Each structure stands twice: as C-alpha cells, then as structure tokens.
Amino acid sequence: MAEKDNVGQDLEETGDGDILAGLPSSVRILEEEGRRIYLVGTAHVSKQSLEDVRKTIESVKPDTVCLELDAERYKNLTDPQRWKQTNIGKVIREGKASLLLSSLVMSSFQRRIGKKLGVTPGAEMAEGAKAGKENNAEIHLIDRDIQLTLKRTWRNLNLWNKLKMMFQLTASLFGVDEIDEKTVEELKEQEKLGDILQIFGEEFPQVKVPLIDERDQYMAQKLREAPGQKIVAVVGAGHSPGIGEEIKSSRSLAPLETLPPISSVGKIAKWMIPSLIIALFIWGFYRGGGDEALGSVYIWFLVNGILSALGAALAFGHPATIISAFLAAPLTSLNPMIAAGWVSGLVQAFVKKPTVSDLENLPEAINSVKGFWLNPVSRILLVVVFSNLGSVVGTFIAGSWIFARVVG
C-alpha cells in the first residue's frame, strides 16, 4: 500500500510520471494489491472541483470511475424529473417523512451555498460520470444508501439530541453565512468540507460513526471491489483520509448494510410513557374519584392536542389539518405504533393534494424558507414533523402536570 508521495518513482518507471506531474493537488494516490486508485477530494459546491475531476479522468484514462453516490442519488442526479414519481402518501405511511425532510433541508443548505458560487451541488459527481463515459470508463457507485445512513444515525441519538438536531436543521433554513469561493477552497484544502453530513458529524460527535466513519469503511471496501487496474474515485475531501486508512484491509459490508434492531430497553421505553400515563389516570380515579380522573384527562387532551395543532399551524397547515392534529395527538401519544403527524400529514395531503408541477418545482422551492413553506409537498412534510414535535412536547408537559396533580 502506497500513497502519492511514495509512488513517484514507480510511476516514472512505468511511464506514468507525466500523469503524476499533471494531477491536481486535490488528488491522493493509493496502491491496493497492484492497482492504482486516484482519490479526488472535492468540495461539493466548488467550481475548482469540477475542473479537478475532469482533468484527473482525462489524464489517467481509468478503467473505472467511482462516485460517492448511492443508486437513488445517482438516479436523481441523472434524471431530475424523478421527483414527479414521489408518492407523498406512501412516504408518510412508511414513516419516512422526517427522513425526506431532513434530506431536503440538507440539500437546501448545499444548494444555497452552491447558488452563491454558481455551482449546482453534486455537479462534480455528474462531471465525473460524464467524463468517465466519454473516456470509456465503467461507472461504479460506492456510497451507502442515504436513507440507511440517516436511519442508523437517528438510532444513535437520544431524545434530547434528536430535538437538538431537528432544531439545527430547521435553523439552517433561515440563512447561510456569507461564504465565497476562496473560503470553500480553503475549507477543501483543510479536508473539512466533504459533504453536509460531515458538518453534522462534527456538531454531534455521537453520530460521527454512522455519518462519517462507517461511510469511510463502506466506500473503501467498495473501492477494493471495483473492477479495473486504474481507478479514479470522486469523494468529498473529508472522506479522503479515512478511505486512505480503511482501504488497507478488507471487510464485510453486511454489518454496514443492515439497520440495527431496537434494543430491548428501547422497546420497553416506547411503551413505558403511555403505560405510566394510563396508570396515572387510574391512580387519580382511586385517589380522588371521577372528578380527579376527568381533570387529568382534560389536561392530557388539551395540552397534547393544542401543542400538536400549533405545530401543524406553524407549518401553515389547512384548518382541517390543524383540527386533525388536535384530535389525533392525545390518542396517538398513547399508541407508539402511530404518530400524530402521520394523521395530520395525510389529511394535509388529501385537502391540498400536490400536483406534478409542485413536485417538479420542489428542488427550486427548497432554495428559500418561503419556498419550503409554500410548496405543497414540503409543507406536508413540515406538517408531519411539526405536529409530531408538538405532540412529543405536549406529552412531557401534560404527563408532568398530571403526575404533579396526582402525587400532590
């Protein structure tokens, strides 16, 4: 295994010395079992990265071009019209609304920076695919499915950090610090601007493993499995050092491609709060009779319902949606198998059914806070998330209030 600084002599001996001399500084060369891997570290919103990718591929003439993409993102990149096929009702029913909204928020963050610099996020990956095909190279996707990565990340967060991450994602909608192309290139040189997931990995150390470390391991193994003797890999600059280390040894991808089961403690905890609330209702009835129990029921329904409805209202939900959140939250909070946001989201999707045009406009709409709230598709996702958030807060407030009443 050798890196760029150690292979110059070998390259000269094989006639590849001119290739080495002409490569951009963002390229890191690895040798793995007699094969050469040219790792191009990019910033995902950098014009310079586009030039580096094309220059490297045209200089190396690789057998394979590997891209830091999964199949779904590659399809979205090569077919922008795939948004038309989104079934928003299915997304809600499968409990994927929060994941989709998170993906859109992170995409929005990158798109707004890219707009400042005149670069479409992911353009360097598209350039890699285009240049690879033009040079008769095979295209190989090496990143893990983004939905699986987000799910594994979510499982690593406790309730407080989940709320904190949701707040940070929401806050990122409201602005991007002034940033110019020089700043992006400096960040790229410091290997700090690989992709948006790395930013969250730095902000939340407890999710660094699934967001960054596991993906380094995954992509390194995918590179080992890629066909050909000369390979160009286009990855975020922040992944370059990790891949360089991980590629030294082979590993099974199976543990990285499965969703860890919920622990027994997690399964118990999921039912514990509803059980405690019901126990408090019963305890209140035996202590103070029907009036005491009825008072606790009123608190539960009003606090939970009002806060969930407020969440739907903050997302500019339809009046019918707000009412559905109010009615559903007190009941769904006692049943971990269903969430208030699923009910309100489906109602919103029914009364304000998104059109094909709305789906087509979604990528452009998420470039602004106003667009997020006005586009019917993203508004449905906001309704789901904010209704759920209101219900969670309402559960803790109402539960604490009822406990204080009964114990007091």
Protein backbone atom coordinates (compact mmCIF):
# COMPACT_ATOMS: atom_id res chain seq x y z
CA MET A 1 0.00 0.00 0.00
CA ALA A 2 1.50 3.32 -1.03
CA GLU A 3 0.35 6.91 -1.28
CA LYS A 4 1.18 9.71 -3.69
CA ASP A 5 4.43 10.79 -2.05
CA ASN A 6 5.82 7.25 -2.22
CA VAL A 7 4.86 6.19 -5.72
CA GLY A 8 6.52 8.87 -7.85
CA GLN A 9 9.46 6.65 -8.75
CA ASP A 10 7.18 3.73 -9.61
CA LEU A 11 5.10 5.99 -11.83
CA GLU A 12 8.19 7.20 -13.67
CA GLU A 13 9.36 3.63 -14.21
CA THR A 14 6.01 2.65 -15.72
CA GLY A 15 5.83 5.74 -17.89
CA ASP A 16 3.17 7.38 -15.74
CA GLY A 17 5.40 10.11 -14.34
CA ASP A 18 3.81 12.73 -16.60
CA ILE A 19 0.40 11.76 -15.24
CA LEU A 20 1.55 12.36 -11.69
CA ALA A 21 3.07 15.73 -12.58
CA GLY A 22 -0.14 16.91 -14.21
CA LEU A 23 -2.58 15.87 -11.49
CA PRO A 24 -4.36 18.47 -9.32
CA SER A 25 -3.22 18.88 -5.73
CA SER A 26 -6.58 17.53 -4.55
CA VAL A 27 -5.65 14.04 -5.80
CA ARG A 28 -4.36 11.39 -3.41
CA ILE A 29 -2.87 8.24 -4.94
CA LEU A 30 -3.27 4.87 -3.26
CA GLU A 31 -1.97 1.49 -4.30
CA GLU A 32 -4.02 -1.57 -3.42
CA GLU A 33 -2.98 -5.08 -4.47
CA GLY A 34 -1.20 -3.86 -7.59
CA ARG A 35 -3.92 -1.43 -8.60
CA ARG A 36 -3.74 2.34 -8.55
CA ILE A 37 -6.54 4.42 -7.07
CA TYR A 38 -6.60 8.17 -7.77
CA LEU A 39 -8.71 9.67 -4.97
CA VAL A 40 -10.02 13.11 -5.98
CA GLY A 41 -11.04 15.04 -2.84
CA THR A 42 -13.77 17.53 -3.70
CA ALA A 43 -15.93 20.23 -2.18
CA HIS A 44 -19.48 19.56 -3.34
CA VAL A 45 -20.13 23.22 -4.24
CA SER A 46 -16.79 24.10 -5.85
CA LYS A 47 -16.07 25.07 -9.45
CA GLN A 48 -12.46 24.04 -8.96
CA SER A 49 -13.59 20.53 -8.03
CA LEU A 50 -15.32 20.15 -11.40
CA GLU A 51 -12.07 21.02 -13.16
CA ASP A 52 -10.05 18.70 -10.91
CA VAL A 53 -12.37 15.77 -11.61
CA ARG A 54 -12.32 16.17 -15.38
CA LYS A 55 -8.58 16.81 -15.54
CA THR A 56 -7.81 13.72 -13.46
CA ILE A 57 -10.04 11.44 -15.52
CA GLU A 58 -8.70 12.74 -18.83
CA SER A 59 -5.10 12.40 -17.61
CA VAL A 60 -5.40 8.94 -16.04
CA LYS A 61 -7.77 7.31 -18.58
CA PRO A 62 -9.09 5.00 -15.85
CA ASP A 63 -10.80 1.65 -16.27
CA THR A 64 -13.37 2.68 -13.65
CA VAL A 65 -14.69 5.93 -12.21
CA CYS A 66 -16.08 5.54 -8.68
CA LEU A 67 -18.53 8.12 -7.34
CA GLU A 68 -19.55 8.97 -3.77
CA LEU A 69 -23.19 8.26 -4.58
CA ASP A 70 -25.76 5.56 -3.94
CA ALA A 71 -28.15 4.28 -6.62
CA GLU A 72 -31.01 6.57 -5.59
CA ARG A 73 -28.93 9.76 -5.59
CA TYR A 74 -27.32 8.78 -8.89
CA LYS A 75 -30.77 8.38 -10.48
CA ASN A 76 -31.85 11.76 -9.09
CA LEU A 77 -28.67 13.33 -10.44
CA THR A 78 -29.06 11.88 -13.92
CA ASP A 79 -32.86 12.22 -14.07
CA PRO A 80 -34.09 15.45 -12.41
CA GLN A 81 -37.67 14.57 -13.40
CA ARG A 82 -37.81 11.66 -10.90
CA TRP A 83 -39.47 14.00 -8.39
CA LYS A 84 -42.67 13.52 -10.41
CA GLN A 85 -42.81 9.91 -9.22
CA THR A 86 -42.79 10.74 -5.48
CA ASN A 87 -45.79 9.26 -3.68
CA ILE A 88 -46.11 11.58 -0.69
CA GLY A 89 -48.86 9.48 0.91
CA LYS A 90 -46.63 6.40 0.81
CA VAL A 91 -43.75 8.39 2.30
CA ILE A 92 -45.95 9.37 5.28
CA ARG A 93 -47.44 5.90 5.78
CA GLU A 94 -43.96 4.33 5.82
CA GLY A 95 -42.77 6.84 8.43
CA LYS A 96 -40.18 8.36 6.09
CA ALA A 97 -41.43 11.95 6.16
CA SER A 98 -38.81 13.10 8.68
CA LEU A 99 -36.01 11.43 6.70
CA LEU A 100 -37.17 13.01 3.45
CA LEU A 101 -37.50 16.42 5.07
CA SER A 102 -34.00 16.08 6.57
CA SER A 103 -32.62 15.22 3.13
CA LEU A 104 -34.38 18.23 1.61
CA VAL A 105 -33.10 20.59 4.31
CA MET A 106 -29.51 19.38 3.84
CA SER A 107 -29.91 19.65 0.09
CA SER A 108 -31.28 23.18 0.53
CA PHE A 109 -28.24 24.17 2.59
CA GLN A 110 -25.85 23.00 -0.11
CA ARG A 111 -27.94 24.41 -2.96
CA ARG A 112 -27.95 27.89 -1.40
CA ILE A 113 -24.17 27.85 -0.97
CA GLY A 114 -23.85 26.49 -4.50
CA LYS A 115 -26.09 29.27 -5.80
CA LYS A 116 -23.73 31.86 -4.29
CA LEU A 117 -20.86 30.25 -6.18
CA GLY A 118 -22.76 29.43 -9.38
CA VAL A 119 -22.36 25.67 -8.88
CA THR A 120 -25.07 23.04 -8.60
CA PRO A 121 -24.41 20.71 -5.63
CA GLY A 122 -23.34 17.31 -6.92
CA ALA A 123 -22.08 18.82 -10.18
CA GLU A 124 -18.64 17.28 -9.62
CA MET A 125 -20.27 13.83 -9.42
CA ALA A 126 -22.20 14.50 -12.63
CA GLU A 127 -18.95 15.70 -14.21
CA GLY A 128 -17.21 12.52 -13.04
CA ALA A 129 -19.91 10.35 -14.60
CA LYS A 130 -19.85 12.34 -17.84
CA ALA A 131 -16.07 12.41 -18.16
CA GLY A 132 -15.87 8.71 -17.26
CA LYS A 133 -18.31 7.73 -20.00
CA GLU A 134 -16.51 9.95 -22.51
CA ASN A 135 -13.28 8.09 -21.69
CA ASN A 136 -14.93 4.64 -21.86
CA ALA A 137 -14.62 4.02 -18.11
CA GLU A 138 -17.07 1.95 -16.11
CA ILE A 139 -19.13 3.94 -13.57
CA HIS A 140 -19.16 2.41 -10.08
CA LEU A 141 -21.25 3.78 -7.16
CA ILE A 142 -19.55 3.37 -3.79
CA ASP A 143 -21.57 5.25 -1.13
CA ARG A 144 -24.11 3.64 1.20
CA ASP A 145 -27.82 4.25 0.73
CA ILE A 146 -28.52 7.69 2.24
CA GLN A 147 -31.79 6.56 3.84
CA LEU A 148 -30.00 3.73 5.65
CA THR A 149 -27.29 6.15 6.81
CA LEU A 150 -29.86 8.58 8.18
CA LYS A 151 -31.78 5.78 9.93
CA ARG A 152 -28.62 4.42 11.56
CA THR A 153 -27.75 7.97 12.60
CA TRP A 154 -31.21 8.59 14.10
CA ARG A 155 -30.92 5.39 16.15
CA ASN A 156 -27.68 6.73 17.66
CA LEU A 157 -29.36 9.85 19.08
CA ASN A 158 -31.16 10.17 22.40
CA LEU A 159 -34.35 12.25 22.59
CA TRP A 160 -32.55 15.47 23.56
CA ASN A 161 -30.09 15.22 20.67
CA LYS A 162 -32.89 14.33 18.25
CA LEU A 163 -34.68 17.55 19.23
CA LYS A 164 -31.39 19.46 19.02
CA MET A 165 -30.64 18.13 15.54
CA MET A 166 -34.16 18.94 14.35
CA PHE A 167 -33.73 22.47 15.67
CA GLN A 168 -30.38 22.82 13.91
CA LEU A 169 -31.80 21.50 10.65
CA THR A 170 -34.68 23.99 10.91
CA ALA A 171 -32.30 26.85 11.81
CA SER A 172 -30.21 26.09 8.71
CA LEU A 173 -33.24 27.04 6.62
CA PHE A 174 -33.04 30.62 7.76
CA GLY A 175 -29.70 31.59 6.34
CA VAL A 176 -26.24 30.73 5.15
CA ASP A 177 -23.27 32.70 6.45
CA GLU A 178 -21.50 34.80 3.85
CA ILE A 179 -19.18 32.44 2.05
CA ASP A 180 -17.18 32.92 -1.12
CA GLU A 181 -15.36 30.55 -3.44
CA LYS A 182 -11.99 31.22 -1.78
CA THR A 183 -13.41 30.16 1.59
CA VAL A 184 -14.78 26.94 0.09
CA GLU A 185 -11.41 26.10 -1.45
CA GLU A 186 -9.63 26.79 1.86
CA LEU A 187 -12.06 24.50 3.65
CA LYS A 188 -11.49 21.86 0.99
CA GLU A 189 -7.72 22.04 1.45
CA GLN A 190 -8.26 21.56 5.19
CA GLU A 191 -10.37 18.48 4.38
CA LYS A 192 -13.30 19.88 6.32
CA LEU A 193 -15.93 20.33 3.61
CA GLY A 194 -16.55 16.83 2.28
CA ASP A 195 -20.33 16.99 2.45
CA ILE A 196 -23.16 18.29 4.61
CA LEU A 197 -23.29 15.05 6.63
CA GLN A 198 -19.75 15.73 7.86
CA ILE A 199 -20.86 19.09 9.25
CA PHE A 200 -23.48 17.34 11.36
CA GLY A 201 -20.93 14.71 12.32
CA GLU A 202 -18.74 17.45 13.78
CA GLU A 203 -21.68 19.12 15.55
CA PHE A 204 -22.93 15.83 17.02
CA PRO A 205 -19.93 13.61 17.89
CA GLN A 206 -22.21 10.74 18.94
CA VAL A 207 -23.32 10.31 15.30
CA LYS A 208 -19.86 10.61 13.76
CA VAL A 209 -19.62 6.82 13.45
CA PRO A 210 -22.66 6.27 11.17
CA LEU A 211 -22.28 9.58 9.31
CA ILE A 212 -18.58 9.51 8.59
CA ASP A 213 -16.59 6.55 9.89
CA GLU A 214 -18.93 3.85 8.61
CA ARG A 215 -19.16 5.51 5.21
CA ASP A 216 -15.36 5.69 5.01
CA GLN A 217 -15.27 1.95 5.70
CA TYR A 218 -18.08 1.27 3.23
CA MET A 219 -16.56 3.30 0.39
CA ALA A 220 -13.09 1.87 0.98
CA GLN A 221 -14.43 -1.68 0.62
CA LYS A 222 -16.42 -0.71 -2.46
CA LEU A 223 -13.20 0.65 -3.96
CA ARG A 224 -11.47 -2.65 -3.22
CA GLU A 225 -14.27 -4.42 -5.09
CA ALA A 226 -14.29 -2.02 -8.05
CA PRO A 227 -13.10 -3.53 -11.36
CA GLY A 228 -10.02 -2.39 -13.24
CA GLN A 229 -6.34 -1.62 -12.62
CA LYS A 230 -6.61 2.17 -12.78
CA ILE A 231 -9.43 3.72 -10.79
CA VAL A 232 -10.44 7.34 -10.25
CA ALA A 233 -12.64 7.87 -7.18
CA VAL A 234 -14.53 11.15 -6.71
CA VAL A 235 -15.26 11.68 -3.00
CA GLY A 236 -15.74 14.54 -0.54
CA ALA A 237 -12.39 15.86 0.65
CA GLY A 238 -13.22 15.00 4.25
CA HIS A 239 -13.53 11.31 3.36
CA SER A 240 -10.14 11.07 1.69
CA PRO A 241 -8.02 10.43 4.84
CA GLY A 242 -10.48 7.88 6.25
CA ILE A 243 -10.70 5.96 2.98
CA GLY A 244 -6.91 6.01 2.75
CA GLU A 245 -6.71 4.23 6.10
CA GLU A 246 -9.63 1.86 5.69
CA ILE A 247 -8.63 0.59 2.26
CA LYS A 248 -5.66 -1.23 3.80
CA SER A 249 -7.85 -4.10 4.96
CA SER A 250 -10.85 -6.00 3.61
CA ARG A 251 -14.15 -6.14 5.49
CA SER A 252 -17.67 -7.50 5.10
CA LEU A 253 -20.26 -4.90 4.12
CA ALA A 254 -23.19 -6.84 5.61
CA PRO A 255 -22.97 -5.24 9.10
CA LEU A 256 -22.95 -1.78 7.50
CA GLU A 257 -25.92 -2.51 5.23
CA THR A 258 -28.41 -3.52 7.91
CA LEU A 259 -30.41 -1.46 10.38
CA PRO A 260 -29.54 -2.46 13.95
CA PRO A 261 -32.59 -3.77 15.81
CA ILE A 262 -34.12 -1.62 18.52
CA SER A 263 -32.74 -2.69 21.88
CA SER A 264 -34.96 -4.32 24.48
CA VAL A 265 -34.63 -1.15 26.56
CA GLY A 266 -35.83 0.90 23.60
CA LYS A 267 -38.82 -1.36 23.02
CA ILE A 268 -39.78 -1.17 26.69
CA ALA A 269 -39.28 2.61 26.81
CA LYS A 270 -41.55 3.05 23.78
CA TRP A 271 -44.48 1.65 25.76
CA MET A 272 -43.42 2.92 29.16
CA ILE A 273 -44.71 6.51 28.85
CA PRO A 274 -48.21 5.54 27.61
CA SER A 275 -48.39 2.91 30.37
CA LEU A 276 -47.39 5.47 33.01
CA ILE A 277 -49.97 7.97 31.76
CA ILE A 278 -52.76 5.38 31.88
CA ALA A 279 -51.57 4.30 35.34
CA LEU A 280 -51.79 7.95 36.50
CA PHE A 281 -55.37 8.17 35.19
CA ILE A 282 -56.30 5.06 37.17
CA TRP A 283 -54.41 6.23 40.27
CA GLY A 284 -56.13 9.60 40.13
CA PHE A 285 -59.51 7.91 39.89
CA TYR A 286 -58.88 5.81 43.01
CA ARG A 287 -57.43 8.76 44.94
CA GLY A 288 -59.91 11.47 44.07
CA GLY A 289 -62.75 9.80 42.23
CA GLY A 290 -64.21 10.62 38.85
CA ASP A 291 -63.61 14.40 39.04
CA GLU A 292 -59.89 13.89 39.67
CA ALA A 293 -59.55 11.45 36.81
CA LEU A 294 -61.60 13.65 34.48
CA GLY A 295 -59.37 16.62 35.27
CA SER A 296 -56.29 14.60 34.26
CA VAL A 297 -57.99 13.54 31.03
CA TYR A 298 -58.79 17.17 30.20
CA ILE A 299 -55.17 18.18 30.80
CA TRP A 300 -53.91 15.34 28.63
CA PHE A 301 -56.22 16.07 25.72
CA LEU A 302 -55.95 19.84 25.77
CA VAL A 303 -52.17 20.20 26.25
CA ASN A 304 -51.27 17.42 23.83
CA GLY A 305 -53.85 18.44 21.27
CA ILE A 306 -53.16 22.18 21.39
CA LEU A 307 -49.38 21.82 21.03
CA SER A 308 -49.68 19.35 18.15
CA ALA A 309 -52.22 21.62 16.45
CA LEU A 310 -49.86 24.55 16.99
CA GLY A 311 -47.14 22.58 15.20
CA ALA A 312 -49.47 21.99 12.25
CA ALA A 313 -50.38 25.69 12.24
CA LEU A 314 -46.69 26.71 12.23
CA ALA A 315 -46.31 24.60 9.08
CA PHE A 316 -49.23 26.59 7.55
CA GLY A 317 -51.43 23.50 7.56
CA HIS A 318 -55.01 23.62 6.31
CA PRO A 319 -57.64 24.24 9.05
CA ALA A 320 -58.79 20.62 8.65
CA THR A 321 -55.18 19.53 9.17
CA ILE A 322 -54.86 21.60 12.35
CA ILE A 323 -58.08 20.10 13.72
CA SER A 324 -56.91 16.58 12.86
CA ALA A 325 -53.64 17.18 14.73
CA PHE A 326 -55.60 18.41 17.77
CA LEU A 327 -57.85 15.35 17.77
CA ALA A 328 -55.18 12.77 16.91
CA ALA A 329 -52.31 13.76 19.22
CA PRO A 330 -53.89 12.79 22.59
CA LEU A 331 -54.75 9.34 21.19
CA THR A 332 -51.63 8.63 19.15
CA SER A 333 -49.42 9.62 22.11
CA LEU A 334 -50.85 6.59 23.91
CA ASN A 335 -50.10 4.33 20.94
CA PRO A 336 -46.42 4.17 19.87
CA MET A 337 -47.42 2.41 16.64
CA ILE A 338 -48.81 5.61 15.10
CA ALA A 339 -47.84 9.29 15.25
CA ALA A 340 -49.99 12.42 15.24
CA GLY A 341 -48.00 13.78 12.30
CA TRP A 342 -48.92 10.80 10.14
CA VAL A 343 -52.60 11.60 10.60
CA SER A 344 -52.27 15.36 10.06
CA GLY A 345 -49.88 14.83 7.14
CA LEU A 346 -52.28 12.50 5.34
CA VAL A 347 -55.13 14.97 5.94
CA GLN A 348 -52.98 17.80 4.51
CA ALA A 349 -52.11 15.64 1.50
CA PHE A 350 -55.81 14.94 0.96
CA VAL A 351 -57.13 18.50 1.23
CA LYS A 352 -54.14 20.06 -0.60
CA LYS A 353 -53.09 17.26 -2.92
CA PRO A 354 -49.72 18.07 -4.55
CA THR A 355 -49.66 18.30 -8.33
CA VAL A 356 -46.99 17.13 -10.72
CA SER A 357 -45.99 20.77 -11.07
CA ASP A 358 -45.46 21.03 -7.30
CA LEU A 359 -43.13 18.03 -7.42
CA GLU A 360 -41.28 19.49 -10.41
CA ASN A 361 -40.79 22.79 -8.56
CA LEU A 362 -39.63 21.21 -5.29
CA PRO A 363 -35.86 21.35 -5.97
CA GLU A 364 -36.13 25.08 -6.72
CA ALA A 365 -38.62 25.77 -3.92
CA ILE A 366 -36.31 24.48 -1.18
CA ASN A 367 -33.76 27.16 -2.02
CA SER A 368 -35.63 29.55 0.30
CA VAL A 369 -37.50 29.47 3.59
CA LYS A 370 -40.58 30.86 1.86
CA GLY A 371 -40.42 28.09 -0.74
CA PHE A 372 -40.26 25.39 1.94
CA TRP A 373 -43.49 26.65 3.49
CA LEU A 374 -45.35 27.46 0.26
CA ASN A 375 -44.59 24.37 -1.81
CA PRO A 376 -47.41 21.87 -1.08
CA VAL A 377 -45.01 18.90 -0.99
CA SER A 378 -42.52 20.29 1.50
CA ARG A 379 -45.39 21.82 3.51
CA ILE A 380 -46.85 18.34 4.03
CA LEU A 381 -43.50 17.16 5.38
CA LEU A 382 -43.34 20.19 7.69
CA VAL A 383 -46.85 19.39 8.94
CA VAL A 384 -45.79 15.83 9.78
CA VAL A 385 -42.63 16.84 11.62
CA PHE A 386 -44.05 19.87 13.49
CA SER A 387 -47.22 18.02 14.51
CA ASN A 388 -45.11 15.19 15.89
CA LEU A 389 -42.80 17.62 17.67
CA GLY A 390 -45.76 19.40 19.27
CA SER A 391 -47.18 16.07 20.38
CA VAL A 392 -43.87 14.99 21.95
CA VAL A 393 -43.56 18.26 23.89
CA GLY A 394 -47.23 18.04 24.87
CA THR A 395 -46.75 14.50 26.17
CA PHE A 396 -43.99 15.56 28.54
CA ILE A 397 -45.75 18.73 29.73
CA ALA A 398 -49.13 17.06 30.22
CA GLY A 399 -47.57 13.95 31.77
CA SER A 400 -45.57 16.02 34.26
CA TRP A 401 -48.63 18.13 35.11
CA ILE A 402 -50.81 15.09 35.71
CA PHE A 403 -48.09 13.44 37.83
CA ALA A 404 -47.79 16.57 39.99
CA ARG A 405 -51.58 16.71 40.45
CA VAL A 406 -51.95 13.06 41.38
CA VAL A 407 -48.90 12.87 43.66
CA GLY A 408 -49.63 16.27 45.21
